[in-house]
């Protein structure tokens, strides 16, 4: 593995660790025998963040209600698992993490637009 790729993966692992990712092997994806630097849910959150940034830069707005709904989907999956009602699966963690990440960063986009329009006009 190239030094640059190894450094990037190590950066993601450290960032995930500091942001609260537990990085448990049983809740992570593996590729070619190597564990992803963050768990399945945090992988989804990362991709959701990136999608929200692209949408924001393209001028696409996600409504406040949609942001809350998307974050609620992730929260519901986490809550059901935490309460011991049903164990989540890695594919479901990935999808609900994506929803949560998209909802959160889309909310940030709404907040930035609001503050920009309110104070910079």
PDB file of N, CA and C in Angstrom:
ATOM      1  N   UNK A   1       0.853  -1.175   0.000  1.00  0.00           N
ATOM      2  CA  UNK A   1       0.000   0.000   0.000  1.00  0.00           C
ATOM      3  C   UNK A   1       0.897   1.235   0.000  1.00  0.00           C
ATOM      4  N   UNK A   2       0.521   2.224  -0.814  1.00  0.00           N
ATOM      5  CA  UNK A   2       1.344   3.423  -0.914  1.00  0.00           C
ATOM      6  C   UNK A   2       1.339   4.190   0.399  1.00  0.00           C
ATOM      7  N   UNK A   3       2.391   4.944   0.598  1.00  0.00           N
ATOM      8  CA  UNK A   3       2.528   5.727   1.821  1.00  0.00           C
ATOM      9  C   UNK A   3       1.431   6.767   1.971  1.00  0.00           C
ATOM     10  N   UNK A   4       1.051   7.393   0.856  1.00  0.00           N
ATOM     11  CA  UNK A   4       0.004   8.413   0.898  1.00  0.00           C
ATOM     12  C   UNK A   4      -1.338   7.795   1.290  1.00  0.00           C
ATOM     13  N   UNK A   5      -1.675   6.653   0.694  1.00  0.00           N
ATOM     14  CA  UNK A   5      -2.943   5.997   1.027  1.00  0.00           C
ATOM     15  C   UNK A   5      -2.928   5.532   2.479  1.00  0.00           C
ATOM     16  N   UNK A   6      -1.807   4.978   2.917  1.00  0.00           N
ATOM     17  CA  UNK A   6      -1.687   4.526   4.305  1.00  0.00           C
ATOM     18  C   UNK A   6      -1.844   5.700   5.265  1.00  0.00           C
ATOM     19  N   UNK A   7      -1.249   6.845   4.940  1.00  0.00           N
ATOM     20  CA  UNK A   7      -1.371   8.036   5.783  1.00  0.00           C
ATOM     21  C   UNK A   7      -2.809   8.531   5.820  1.00  0.00           C
ATOM     22  N   UNK A   8      -3.511   8.497   4.676  1.00  0.00           N
ATOM     23  CA  UNK A   8      -4.910   8.930   4.624  1.00  0.00           C
ATOM     24  C   UNK A   8      -5.780   8.020   5.483  1.00  0.00           C
ATOM     25  N   UNK A   9      -5.593   6.708   5.358  1.00  0.00           N
ATOM     26  CA  UNK A   9      -6.380   5.768   6.145  1.00  0.00           C
ATOM     27  C   UNK A   9      -6.100   5.932   7.639  1.00  0.00           C
ATOM     28  N   UNK A  10      -4.866   6.183   7.984  1.00  0.00           N
ATOM     29  CA  UNK A  10      -4.514   6.411   9.394  1.00  0.00           C
ATOM     30  C   UNK A  10      -5.168   7.700   9.893  1.00  0.00           C
ATOM     31  N   UNK A  11      -5.191   8.743   9.050  1.00  0.00           N
ATOM     32  CA  UNK A  11      -5.853   9.995   9.409  1.00  0.00           C
ATOM     33  C   UNK A  11      -7.345   9.763   9.663  1.00  0.00           C
ATOM     34  N   UNK A  12      -8.007   8.989   8.788  1.00  0.00           N
ATOM     35  CA  UNK A  12      -9.430   8.680   8.951  1.00  0.00           C
ATOM     36  C   UNK A  12      -9.650   7.896  10.241  1.00  0.00           C
ATOM     37  N   UNK A  13      -8.779   6.930  10.524  1.00  0.00           N
ATOM     38  CA  UNK A  13      -8.904   6.136  11.747  1.00  0.00           C
ATOM     39  C   UNK A  13      -8.806   7.024  12.981  1.00  0.00           C
ATOM     40  N   UNK A  14      -7.816   7.913  13.009  1.00  0.00           N
ATOM     41  CA  UNK A  14      -7.628   8.808  14.151  1.00  0.00           C
ATOM     42  C   UNK A  14      -8.803   9.773  14.275  1.00  0.00           C
ATOM     43  N   UNK A  15      -9.234  10.327  13.148  1.00  0.00           N
ATOM     44  CA  UNK A  15     -10.385  11.231  13.146  1.00  0.00           C
ATOM     45  C   UNK A  15     -11.632  10.509  13.657  1.00  0.00           C
ATOM     46  N   UNK A  16     -11.845   9.292  13.183  1.00  0.00           N
ATOM     47  CA  UNK A  16     -12.986   8.500  13.651  1.00  0.00           C
ATOM     48  C   UNK A  16     -12.911   8.220  15.137  1.00  0.00           C
ATOM     49  N   UNK A  17     -11.728   7.905  15.611  1.00  0.00           N
ATOM     50  CA  UNK A  17     -11.532   7.634  17.030  1.00  0.00           C
ATOM     51  C   UNK A  17     -11.866   8.869  17.864  1.00  0.00           C
ATOM     52  N   UNK A  18     -11.381  10.025  17.457  1.00  0.00           N
ATOM     53  CA  UNK A  18     -11.645  11.262  18.197  1.00  0.00           C
ATOM     54  C   UNK A  18     -13.102  11.710  18.111  1.00  0.00           C
ATOM     55  N   UNK A  19     -13.794  11.314  17.035  1.00  0.00           N
ATOM     56  CA  UNK A  19     -15.191  11.729  16.897  1.00  0.00           C
ATOM     57  C   UNK A  19     -16.152  10.737  17.547  1.00  0.00           C
ATOM     58  N   UNK A  20     -15.641   9.694  18.145  1.00  0.00           N
ATOM     59  CA  UNK A  20     -16.481   8.777  18.908  1.00  0.00           C
ATOM     60  C   UNK A  20     -16.744   7.433  18.267  1.00  0.00           C
ATOM     61  N   UNK A  21     -16.125   7.146  17.141  1.00  0.00           N
ATOM     62  CA  UNK A  21     -16.318   5.845  16.501  1.00  0.00           C
ATOM     63  C   UNK A  21     -15.626   4.764  17.332  1.00  0.00           C
ATOM     64  N   UNK A  22     -16.363   3.709  17.645  1.00  0.00           N
ATOM     65  CA  UNK A  22     -15.800   2.626  18.458  1.00  0.00           C
ATOM     66  C   UNK A  22     -14.892   1.708  17.655  1.00  0.00           C
ATOM     67  N   UNK A  23     -15.028   1.696  16.346  1.00  0.00           N
ATOM     68  CA  UNK A  23     -14.172   0.935  15.430  1.00  0.00           C
ATOM     69  C   UNK A  23     -14.115  -0.561  15.776  1.00  0.00           C
ATOM     70  N   UNK A  24     -15.243  -1.088  16.237  1.00  0.00           N
ATOM     71  CA  UNK A  24     -15.311  -2.513  16.587  1.00  0.00           C
ATOM     72  C   UNK A  24     -15.267  -3.361  15.314  1.00  0.00           C
ATOM     73  N   UNK A  25     -14.437  -4.394  15.285  1.00  0.00           N
ATOM     74  CA  UNK A  25     -14.324  -5.225  14.082  1.00  0.00           C
ATOM     75  C   UNK A  25     -15.659  -5.837  13.643  1.00  0.00           C
ATOM     76  N   UNK A  26     -16.485  -6.275  14.590  1.00  0.00           N
ATOM     77  CA  UNK A  26     -17.750  -6.912  14.215  1.00  0.00           C
ATOM     78  C   UNK A  26     -18.782  -5.923  13.668  1.00  0.00           C
ATOM     79  N   UNK A  27     -18.518  -4.640  13.825  1.00  0.00           N
ATOM     80  CA  UNK A  27     -19.409  -3.608  13.296  1.00  0.00           C
ATOM     81  C   UNK A  27     -18.728  -2.804  12.186  1.00  0.00           C
ATOM     82  N   UNK A  28     -17.720  -3.378  11.592  1.00  0.00           N
ATOM     83  CA  UNK A  28     -16.966  -2.707  10.536  1.00  0.00           C
ATOM     84  C   UNK A  28     -16.931  -3.577   9.284  1.00  0.00           C
ATOM     85  N   UNK A  29     -16.695  -2.931   8.169  1.00  0.00           N
ATOM     86  CA  UNK A  29     -16.494  -3.648   6.920  1.00  0.00           C
ATOM     87  C   UNK A  29     -15.019  -3.996   6.778  1.00  0.00           C
ATOM     88  N   UNK A  30     -14.764  -5.015   5.991  1.00  0.00           N
ATOM     89  CA  UNK A  30     -13.402  -5.432   5.688  1.00  0.00           C
ATOM     90  C   UNK A  30     -13.238  -5.468   4.171  1.00  0.00           C
ATOM     91  N   UNK A  31     -12.059  -5.090   3.721  1.00  0.00           N
ATOM     92  CA  UNK A  31     -11.733  -5.162   2.304  1.00  0.00           C
ATOM     93  C   UNK A  31     -10.363  -5.799   2.172  1.00  0.00           C
ATOM     94  N   UNK A  32     -10.313  -6.908   1.434  1.00  0.00           N
ATOM     95  CA  UNK A  32      -9.068  -7.663   1.250  1.00  0.00           C
ATOM     96  C   UNK A  32      -8.417  -7.985   2.593  1.00  0.00           C
ATOM     97  N   UNK A  33      -9.266  -8.360   3.550  1.00  0.00           N
ATOM     98  CA  UNK A  33      -8.770  -8.770   4.853  1.00  0.00           C
ATOM     99  C   UNK A  33      -8.405  -7.641   5.797  1.00  0.00           C
ATOM    100  N   UNK A  34      -8.585  -6.410   5.382  1.00  0.00           N
ATOM    101  CA  UNK A  34      -8.235  -5.264   6.231  1.00  0.00           C
ATOM    102  C   UNK A  34      -9.503  -4.532   6.653  1.00  0.00           C
ATOM    103  N   UNK A  35      -9.546  -4.200   7.948  1.00  0.00           N
ATOM    104  CA  UNK A  35     -10.704  -3.507   8.507  1.00  0.00           C
ATOM    105  C   UNK A  35     -10.740  -2.051   8.047  1.00  0.00           C
ATOM    106  N   UNK A  36     -11.942  -1.554   7.703  1.00  0.00           N
ATOM    107  CA  UNK A  36     -12.109  -0.132   7.402  1.00  0.00           C
ATOM    108  C   UNK A  36     -11.671   0.679   8.612  1.00  0.00           C
ATOM    109  N   UNK A  37     -11.205   1.906   8.401  1.00  0.00           N
ATOM    110  CA  UNK A  37     -10.713   2.707   9.526  1.00  0.00           C
ATOM    111  C   UNK A  37     -11.812   3.163  10.483  1.00  0.00           C
ATOM    112  N   UNK A  38     -13.086   3.117  10.052  1.00  0.00           N
ATOM    113  CA  UNK A  38     -14.207   3.454  10.931  1.00  0.00           C
ATOM    114  C   UNK A  38     -15.286   2.389  10.756  1.00  0.00           C
ATOM    115  N   UNK A  39     -16.237   2.338  11.685  1.00  0.00           N
ATOM    116  CA  UNK A  39     -17.293   1.325  11.648  1.00  0.00           C
ATOM    117  C   UNK A  39     -18.251   1.575  10.481  1.00  0.00           C
ATOM    118  N   UNK A  40     -19.178   0.648  10.274  1.00  0.00           N
ATOM    119  CA  UNK A  40     -20.118   0.731   9.158  1.00  0.00           C
ATOM    120  C   UNK A  40     -20.987   1.994   9.249  1.00  0.00           C
ATOM    121  N   UNK A  41     -21.493   2.315  10.439  1.00  0.00           N
ATOM    122  CA  UNK A  41     -22.342   3.493  10.579  1.00  0.00           C
ATOM    123  C   UNK A  41     -21.552   4.764  10.295  1.00  0.00           C
ATOM    124  N   UNK A  42     -20.345   4.868  10.820  1.00  0.00           N
ATOM    125  CA  UNK A  42     -19.523   6.062  10.576  1.00  0.00           C
ATOM    126  C   UNK A  42     -19.090   6.152   9.116  1.00  0.00           C
ATOM    127  N   UNK A  43     -18.920   5.003   8.458  1.00  0.00           N
ATOM    128  CA  UNK A  43     -18.642   5.014   7.019  1.00  0.00           C
ATOM    129  C   UNK A  43     -19.816   5.646   6.281  1.00  0.00           C
ATOM    130  N   UNK A  44     -21.042   5.244   6.651  1.00  0.00           N
ATOM    131  CA  UNK A  44     -22.237   5.832   6.055  1.00  0.00           C
ATOM    132  C   UNK A  44     -22.346   7.317   6.348  1.00  0.00           C
ATOM    133  N   UNK A  45     -22.051   7.707   7.586  1.00  0.00           N
ATOM    134  CA  UNK A  45     -22.093   9.127   7.962  1.00  0.00           C
ATOM    135  C   UNK A  45     -21.117   9.919   7.094  1.00  0.00           C
ATOM    136  N   UNK A  46     -19.921   9.409   6.904  1.00  0.00           N
ATOM    137  CA  UNK A  46     -18.919  10.081   6.080  1.00  0.00           C
ATOM    138  C   UNK A  46     -19.439  10.305   4.660  1.00  0.00           C
ATOM    139  N   UNK A  47     -20.015   9.259   4.051  1.00  0.00           N
ATOM    140  CA  UNK A  47     -20.546   9.395   2.693  1.00  0.00           C
ATOM    141  C   UNK A  47     -21.761  10.328   2.660  1.00  0.00           C
ATOM    142  N   UNK A  48     -22.562  10.322   3.720  1.00  0.00           N
ATOM    143  CA  UNK A  48     -23.679  11.256   3.810  1.00  0.00           C
ATOM    144  C   UNK A  48     -23.201  12.695   3.883  1.00  0.00           C
ATOM    145  N   UNK A  49     -22.141  12.924   4.657  1.00  0.00           N
ATOM    146  CA  UNK A  49     -21.549  14.274   4.743  1.00  0.00           C
ATOM    147  C   UNK A  49     -21.074  14.731   3.369  1.00  0.00           C
ATOM    148  N   UNK A  50     -20.357  13.858   2.676  1.00  0.00           N
ATOM    149  CA  UNK A  50     -19.826  14.226   1.363  1.00  0.00           C
ATOM    150  C   UNK A  50     -20.958  14.526   0.375  1.00  0.00           C
ATOM    151  N   UNK A  51     -22.019  13.735   0.426  1.00  0.00           N
ATOM    152  CA  UNK A  51     -23.166  13.966  -0.461  1.00  0.00           C
ATOM    153  C   UNK A  51     -23.823  15.303  -0.147  1.00  0.00           C
ATOM    154  N   UNK A  52     -23.986  15.611   1.128  1.00  0.00           N
ATOM    155  CA  UNK A  52     -24.599  16.887   1.529  1.00  0.00           C
ATOM    156  C   UNK A  52     -23.752  18.069   1.059  1.00  0.00           C
ATOM    157  N   UNK A  53     -22.441  17.945   1.137  1.00  0.00           N
ATOM    158  CA  UNK A  53     -21.557  19.023   0.685  1.00  0.00           C
ATOM    159  C   UNK A  53     -21.724  19.229  -0.820  1.00  0.00           C
ATOM    160  N   UNK A  54     -21.775  18.140  -1.581  1.00  0.00           N
ATOM    161  CA  UNK A  54     -21.971  18.248  -3.029  1.00  0.00           C
ATOM    162  C   UNK A  54     -23.317  18.903  -3.331  1.00  0.00           C
ATOM    163  N   UNK A  55     -24.366  18.482  -2.649  1.00  0.00           N
ATOM    164  CA  UNK A  55     -25.691  19.080  -2.854  1.00  0.00           C
ATOM    165  C   UNK A  55     -25.672  20.569  -2.540  1.00  0.00           C
ATOM    166  N   UNK A  56     -25.013  20.939  -1.445  1.00  0.00           N
ATOM    167  CA  UNK A  56     -24.926  22.348  -1.060  1.00  0.00           C
ATOM    168  C   UNK A  56     -24.204  23.162  -2.134  1.00  0.00           C
ATOM    169  N   UNK A  57     -23.074  22.641  -2.601  1.00  0.00           N
ATOM    170  CA  UNK A  57     -22.293  23.353  -3.615  1.00  0.00           C
ATOM    171  C   UNK A  57     -23.037  23.457  -4.944  1.00  0.00           C
ATOM    172  N   UNK A  58     -23.952  22.512  -5.198  1.00  0.00           N
ATOM    173  CA  UNK A  58     -24.769  22.558  -6.416  1.00  0.00           C
ATOM    174  C   UNK A  58     -26.034  23.393  -6.223  1.00  0.00           C
ATOM    175  N   UNK A  59     -26.199  23.973  -5.046  1.00  0.00           N
ATOM    176  CA  UNK A  59     -27.352  24.827  -4.787  1.00  0.00           C
ATOM    177  C   UNK A  59     -28.634  24.089  -4.458  1.00  0.00           C
ATOM    178  N   UNK A  60     -28.545  22.807  -4.175  1.00  0.00           N
ATOM    179  CA  UNK A  60     -29.732  22.018  -3.833  1.00  0.00           C
ATOM    180  C   UNK A  60     -30.034  22.160  -2.348  1.00  0.00           C
ATOM    181  N   UNK A  61     -31.287  22.431  -2.022  1.00  0.00           N
ATOM    182  CA  UNK A  61     -31.699  22.574  -0.627  1.00  0.00           C
ATOM    183  C   UNK A  61     -32.449  21.327  -0.174  1.00  0.00           C
ATOM    184  N   UNK A  62     -32.177  20.925   1.036  1.00  0.00           N
ATOM    185  CA  UNK A  62     -32.909  19.849   1.688  1.00  0.00           C
ATOM    186  C   UNK A  62     -33.716  20.525   2.793  1.00  0.00           C
ATOM    187  N   UNK A  63     -34.999  20.262   2.848  1.00  0.00           N
ATOM    188  CA  UNK A  63     -35.850  20.954   3.823  1.00  0.00           C
ATOM    189  C   UNK A  63     -35.469  20.578   5.255  1.00  0.00           C
ATOM    190  N   UNK A  64     -35.826  21.455   6.168  1.00  0.00           N
ATOM    191  CA  UNK A  64     -35.565  21.215   7.587  1.00  0.00           C
ATOM    192  C   UNK A  64     -36.248  19.928   8.041  1.00  0.00           C
ATOM    193  N   UNK A  65     -37.473  19.732   7.604  1.00  0.00           N
ATOM    194  CA  UNK A  65     -38.231  18.527   7.980  1.00  0.00           C
ATOM    195  C   UNK A  65     -37.521  17.272   7.470  1.00  0.00           C
ATOM    196  N   UNK A  66     -36.996  17.335   6.249  1.00  0.00           N
ATOM    197  CA  UNK A  66     -36.277  16.190   5.693  1.00  0.00           C
ATOM    198  C   UNK A  66     -34.997  15.931   6.477  1.00  0.00           C
ATOM    199  N   UNK A  67     -34.298  16.999   6.849  1.00  0.00           N
ATOM    200  CA  UNK A  67     -33.080  16.847   7.667  1.00  0.00           C
ATOM    201  C   UNK A  67     -33.390  16.111   8.964  1.00  0.00           C
ATOM    202  N   UNK A  68     -34.449  16.547   9.645  1.00  0.00           N
ATOM    203  CA  UNK A  68     -34.838  15.896  10.903  1.00  0.00           C
ATOM    204  C   UNK A  68     -35.224  14.441  10.686  1.00  0.00           C
ATOM    205  N   UNK A  69     -35.958  14.182   9.619  1.00  0.00           N
ATOM    206  CA  UNK A  69     -36.369  12.804   9.315  1.00  0.00           C
ATOM    207  C   UNK A  69     -35.164  11.915   9.062  1.00  0.00           C
ATOM    208  N   UNK A  70     -34.215  12.416   8.279  1.00  0.00           N
ATOM    209  CA  UNK A  70     -33.016  11.627   7.975  1.00  0.00           C
ATOM    210  C   UNK A  70     -32.208  11.339   9.237  1.00  0.00           C
ATOM    211  N   UNK A  71     -32.037  12.353  10.098  1.00  0.00           N
ATOM    212  CA  UNK A  71     -31.314  12.125  11.349  1.00  0.00           C
ATOM    213  C   UNK A  71     -32.086  11.171  12.255  1.00  0.00           C
ATOM    214  N   UNK A  72     -33.420  11.267  12.222  1.00  0.00           N
ATOM    215  CA  UNK A  72     -34.253  10.383  13.028  1.00  0.00           C
ATOM    216  C   UNK A  72     -34.140   8.931  12.620  1.00  0.00           C
ATOM    217  N   UNK A  73     -33.955   8.674  11.335  1.00  0.00           N
ATOM    218  CA  UNK A  73     -33.786   7.297  10.851  1.00  0.00           C
ATOM    219  C   UNK A  73     -32.555   6.666  11.498  1.00  0.00           C
ATOM    220  N   UNK A  74     -31.453   7.410  11.514  1.00  0.00           N
ATOM    221  CA  UNK A  74     -30.246   6.877  12.137  1.00  0.00           C
ATOM    222  C   UNK A  74     -30.446   6.714  13.644  1.00  0.00           C
ATOM    223  N   UNK A  75     -31.073   7.715  14.254  1.00  0.00           N
ATOM    224  CA  UNK A  75     -31.315   7.638  15.697  1.00  0.00           C
ATOM    225  C   UNK A  75     -32.211   6.470  16.068  1.00  0.00           C
ATOM    226  N   UNK A  76     -33.207   6.203  15.252  1.00  0.00           N
ATOM    227  CA  UNK A  76     -34.114   5.088  15.510  1.00  0.00           C
ATOM    228  C   UNK A  76     -33.374   3.753  15.429  1.00  0.00           C
ATOM    229  N   UNK A  77     -32.556   3.588  14.394  1.00  0.00           N
ATOM    230  CA  UNK A  77     -31.782   2.349  14.264  1.00  0.00           C
ATOM    231  C   UNK A  77     -30.858   2.177  15.463  1.00  0.00           C
ATOM    232  N   UNK A  78     -30.182   3.241  15.849  1.00  0.00           N
ATOM    233  CA  UNK A  78     -29.288   3.166  17.010  1.00  0.00           C
ATOM    234  C   UNK A  78     -30.083   2.844  18.278  1.00  0.00           C
ATOM    235  N   UNK A  79     -31.225   3.513  18.460  1.00  0.00           N
ATOM    236  CA  UNK A  79     -32.029   3.312  19.666  1.00  0.00           C
ATOM    237  C   UNK A  79     -32.569   1.899  19.782  1.00  0.00           C
ATOM    238  N   UNK A  80     -33.033   1.343  18.662  1.00  0.00           N
ATOM    239  CA  UNK A  80     -33.542  -0.035  18.673  1.00  0.00           C
ATOM    240  C   UNK A  80     -32.434  -1.000  19.054  1.00  0.00           C
ATOM    241  N   UNK A  81     -31.244  -0.764  18.523  1.00  0.00           N
ATOM    242  CA  UNK A  81     -30.104  -1.629  18.856  1.00  0.00           C
ATOM    243  C   UNK A  81     -29.694  -1.438  20.314  1.00  0.00           C
ATOM    244  N   UNK A  82     -29.603  -0.196  20.749  1.00  0.00           N
ATOM    245  CA  UNK A  82     -29.160   0.112  22.119  1.00  0.00           C
ATOM    246  C   UNK A  82     -30.136  -0.445  23.155  1.00  0.00           C
ATOM    247  N   UNK A  83     -31.436  -0.428  22.846  1.00  0.00           N
ATOM    248  CA  UNK A  83     -32.453  -0.941  23.768  1.00  0.00           C
ATOM    249  C   UNK A  83     -32.485  -2.468  23.787  1.00  0.00           C
ATOM    250  N   UNK A  84     -31.759  -3.100  22.889  1.00  0.00           N
ATOM    251  CA  UNK A  84     -31.711  -4.554  22.842  1.00  0.00           C
ATOM    252  C   UNK A  84     -32.919  -5.173  22.153  1.00  0.00           C
ATOM    253  N   UNK A  85     -33.686  -4.362  21.447  1.00  0.00           N
ATOM    254  CA  UNK A  85     -34.868  -4.873  20.752  1.00  0.00           C
ATOM    255  C   UNK A  85     -34.446  -5.713  19.555  1.00  0.00           C
ATOM    256  N   UNK A  86     -33.496  -5.197  18.787  1.00  0.00           N
ATOM    257  CA  UNK A  86     -33.021  -5.912  17.604  1.00  0.00           C
ATOM    258  C   UNK A  86     -31.619  -5.410  17.266  1.00  0.00           C
ATOM    259  N   UNK A  87     -30.721  -6.319  17.014  1.00  0.00           N
ATOM    260  CA  UNK A  87     -29.361  -5.964  16.623  1.00  0.00           C
ATOM    261  C   UNK A  87     -29.359  -5.461  15.185  1.00  0.00           C
ATOM    262  N   UNK A  88     -28.691  -4.360  14.952  1.00  0.00           N
ATOM    263  CA  UNK A  88     -28.579  -3.828  13.598  1.00  0.00           C
ATOM    264  C   UNK A  88     -27.536  -4.635  12.827  1.00  0.00           C
ATOM    265  N   UNK A  89     -27.601  -4.547  11.519  1.00  0.00           N
ATOM    266  CA  UNK A  89     -26.620  -5.225  10.669  1.00  0.00           C
ATOM    267  C   UNK A  89     -25.717  -4.160  10.045  1.00  0.00           C
ATOM    268  N   UNK A  90     -24.560  -4.569   9.582  1.00  0.00           N
ATOM    269  CA  UNK A  90     -23.640  -3.602   8.973  1.00  0.00           C
ATOM    270  C   UNK A  90     -24.228  -2.912   7.745  1.00  0.00           C
ATOM    271  N   UNK A  91     -24.925  -3.618   6.849  1.00  0.00           N
ATOM    272  CA  UNK A  91     -25.546  -2.892   5.726  1.00  0.00           C
ATOM    273  C   UNK A  91     -26.575  -1.861   6.203  1.00  0.00           C
ATOM    274  N   UNK A  92     -27.375  -2.219   7.206  1.00  0.00           N
ATOM    275  CA  UNK A  92     -28.358  -1.256   7.728  1.00  0.00           C
ATOM    276  C   UNK A  92     -27.648  -0.093   8.422  1.00  0.00           C
ATOM    277  N   UNK A  93     -26.580  -0.375   9.151  1.00  0.00           N
ATOM    278  CA  UNK A  93     -25.807   0.706   9.774  1.00  0.00           C
ATOM    279  C   UNK A  93     -25.258   1.659   8.719  1.00  0.00           C
ATOM    280  N   UNK A  94     -24.782   1.110   7.610  1.00  0.00           N
ATOM    281  CA  UNK A  94     -24.256   1.939   6.525  1.00  0.00           C
ATOM    282  C   UNK A  94     -25.348   2.862   5.975  1.00  0.00           C
ATOM    283  N   UNK A  95     -26.523   2.307   5.694  1.00  0.00           N
ATOM    284  CA  UNK A  95     -27.620   3.092   5.117  1.00  0.00           C
ATOM    285  C   UNK A  95     -28.134   4.131   6.107  1.00  0.00           C
ATOM    286  N   UNK A  96     -28.360   3.719   7.361  1.00  0.00           N
ATOM    287  CA  UNK A  96     -28.883   4.686   8.331  1.00  0.00           C
ATOM    288  C   UNK A  96     -27.826   5.729   8.680  1.00  0.00           C
ATOM    289  N   UNK A  97     -26.552   5.343   8.675  1.00  0.00           N
ATOM    290  CA  UNK A  97     -25.477   6.316   8.880  1.00  0.00           C
ATOM    291  C   UNK A  97     -25.441   7.329   7.752  1.00  0.00           C
ATOM    292  N   UNK A  98     -25.634   6.853   6.519  1.00  0.00           N
ATOM    293  CA  UNK A  98     -25.696   7.760   5.376  1.00  0.00           C
ATOM    294  C   UNK A  98     -26.837   8.761   5.565  1.00  0.00           C
ATOM    295  N   UNK A  99     -28.003   8.260   5.962  1.00  0.00           N
ATOM    296  CA  UNK A  99     -29.149   9.145   6.194  1.00  0.00           C
ATOM    297  C   UNK A  99     -28.822  10.186   7.259  1.00  0.00           C
ATOM    298  N   UNK A 100     -28.246   9.741   8.372  1.00  0.00           N
ATOM    299  CA  UNK A 100     -27.910  10.668   9.450  1.00  0.00           C
ATOM    300  C   UNK A 100     -26.876  11.700   9.032  1.00  0.00           C
ATOM    301  N   UNK A 101     -25.852  11.264   8.324  1.00  0.00           N
ATOM    302  CA  UNK A 101     -24.821  12.197   7.860  1.00  0.00           C
ATOM    303  C   UNK A 101     -25.358  13.191   6.854  1.00  0.00           C
ATOM    304  N   UNK A 102     -26.200  12.723   5.944  1.00  0.00           N
ATOM    305  CA  UNK A 102     -26.816  13.612   4.960  1.00  0.00           C
ATOM    306  C   UNK A 102     -27.733  14.615   5.650  1.00  0.00           C
ATOM    307  N   UNK A 103     -28.525  14.141   6.603  1.00  0.00           N
ATOM    308  CA  UNK A 103     -29.430  15.029   7.327  1.00  0.00           C
ATOM    309  C   UNK A 103     -28.692  16.075   8.137  1.00  0.00           C
ATOM    310  N   UNK A 104     -27.643  15.670   8.844  1.00  0.00           N
ATOM    311  CA  UNK A 104     -26.907  16.607   9.694  1.00  0.00           C
ATOM    312  C   UNK A 104     -26.195  17.670   8.866  1.00  0.00           C
ATOM    313  N   UNK A 105     -25.453  17.261   7.852  1.00  0.00           N
ATOM    314  CA  UNK A 105     -24.722  18.254   7.058  1.00  0.00           C
ATOM    315  C   UNK A 105     -25.652  19.088   6.190  1.00  0.00           C
ATOM    316  N   UNK A 106     -26.797  18.552   5.800  1.00  0.00           N
ATOM    317  CA  UNK A 106     -27.785  19.362   5.087  1.00  0.00           C
ATOM    318  C   UNK A 106     -28.362  20.417   6.023  1.00  0.00           C
ATOM    319  N   UNK A 107     -28.558  20.048   7.280  1.00  0.00           N
ATOM    320  CA  UNK A 107     -29.007  21.018   8.278  1.00  0.00           C
ATOM    321  C   UNK A 107     -27.960  22.122   8.434  1.00  0.00           C
ATOM    322  N   UNK A 108     -26.695  21.741   8.482  1.00  0.00           N
ATOM    323  CA  UNK A 108     -25.636  22.755   8.558  1.00  0.00           C
ATOM    324  C   UNK A 108     -25.702  23.691   7.359  1.00  0.00           C
ATOM    325  N   UNK A 109     -25.986  23.132   6.177  1.00  0.00           N
ATOM    326  CA  UNK A 109     -26.122  23.949   4.978  1.00  0.00           C
ATOM    327  C   UNK A 109     -27.272  24.945   5.107  1.00  0.00           C
ATOM    328  N   UNK A 110     -28.401  24.480   5.641  1.00  0.00           N
ATOM    329  CA  UNK A 110     -29.536  25.386   5.877  1.00  0.00           C
ATOM    330  C   UNK A 110     -29.150  26.493   6.849  1.00  0.00           C
ATOM    331  N   UNK A 111     -28.417  26.128   7.879  1.00  0.00           N
ATOM    332  CA  UNK A 111     -27.987  27.104   8.880  1.00  0.00           C
ATOM    333  C   UNK A 111     -27.038  28.138   8.268  1.00  0.00           C
ATOM    334  N   UNK A 112     -26.107  27.692   7.452  1.00  0.00           N
ATOM    335  CA  UNK A 112     -25.178  28.611   6.787  1.00  0.00           C
ATOM    336  C   UNK A 112     -25.941  29.559   5.867  1.00  0.00           C
ATOM    337  N   UNK A 113     -26.870  29.027   5.100  1.00  0.00           N
ATOM    338  CA  UNK A 113     -27.684  29.883   4.211  1.00  0.00           C
ATOM    339  C   UNK A 113     -28.488  30.910   5.013  1.00  0.00           C
ATOM    340  N   UNK A 114     -29.089  30.457   6.099  1.00  0.00           N
ATOM    341  CA  UNK A 114     -29.888  31.352   6.929  1.00  0.00           C
ATOM    342  C   UNK A 114     -29.023  32.477   7.494  1.00  0.00           C
ATOM    343  N   UNK A 115     -27.875  32.125   8.062  1.00  0.00           N
ATOM    344  CA  UNK A 115     -26.986  33.125   8.655  1.00  0.00           C
ATOM    345  C   UNK A 115     -26.444  34.076   7.589  1.00  0.00           C
ATOM    346  N   UNK A 116     -26.121  33.536   6.428  1.00  0.00           N
ATOM    347  CA  UNK A 116     -25.630  34.373   5.331  1.00  0.00           C
ATOM    348  C   UNK A 116     -26.704  35.362   4.905  1.00  0.00           C
ATOM    349  N   UNK A 117     -27.923  34.889   4.708  1.00  0.00           N
ATOM    350  CA  UNK A 117     -29.010  35.764   4.265  1.00  0.00           C
ATOM    351  C   UNK A 117     -29.412  36.764   5.343  1.00  0.00           C
ATOM    352  N   UNK A 118     -29.343  36.349   6.573  1.00  0.00           N
ATOM    353  CA  UNK A 118     -29.777  37.210   7.686  1.00  0.00           C
ATOM    354  C   UNK A 118     -28.772  38.328   7.974  1.00  0.00           C
ATOM    355  N   UNK A 119     -27.492  38.019   7.921  1.00  0.00           N
ATOM    356  CA  UNK A 119     -26.483  38.969   8.380  1.00  0.00           C
ATOM    357  C   UNK A 119     -25.621  39.579   7.275  1.00  0.00           C
ATOM    358  N   UNK A 120     -25.660  39.039   6.085  1.00  0.00           N
ATOM    359  CA  UNK A 120     -24.799  39.572   5.031  1.00  0.00           C
ATOM    360  C   UNK A 120     -25.566  40.302   3.951  1.00  0.00           C
ATOM    361  N   UNK A 121     -26.834  40.577   4.157  1.00  0.00           N
ATOM    362  CA  UNK A 121     -27.596  41.336   3.153  1.00  0.00           C
ATOM    363  C   UNK A 121     -27.582  42.800   3.456  1.00  0.00           C
TER     364      UNK A 121
END
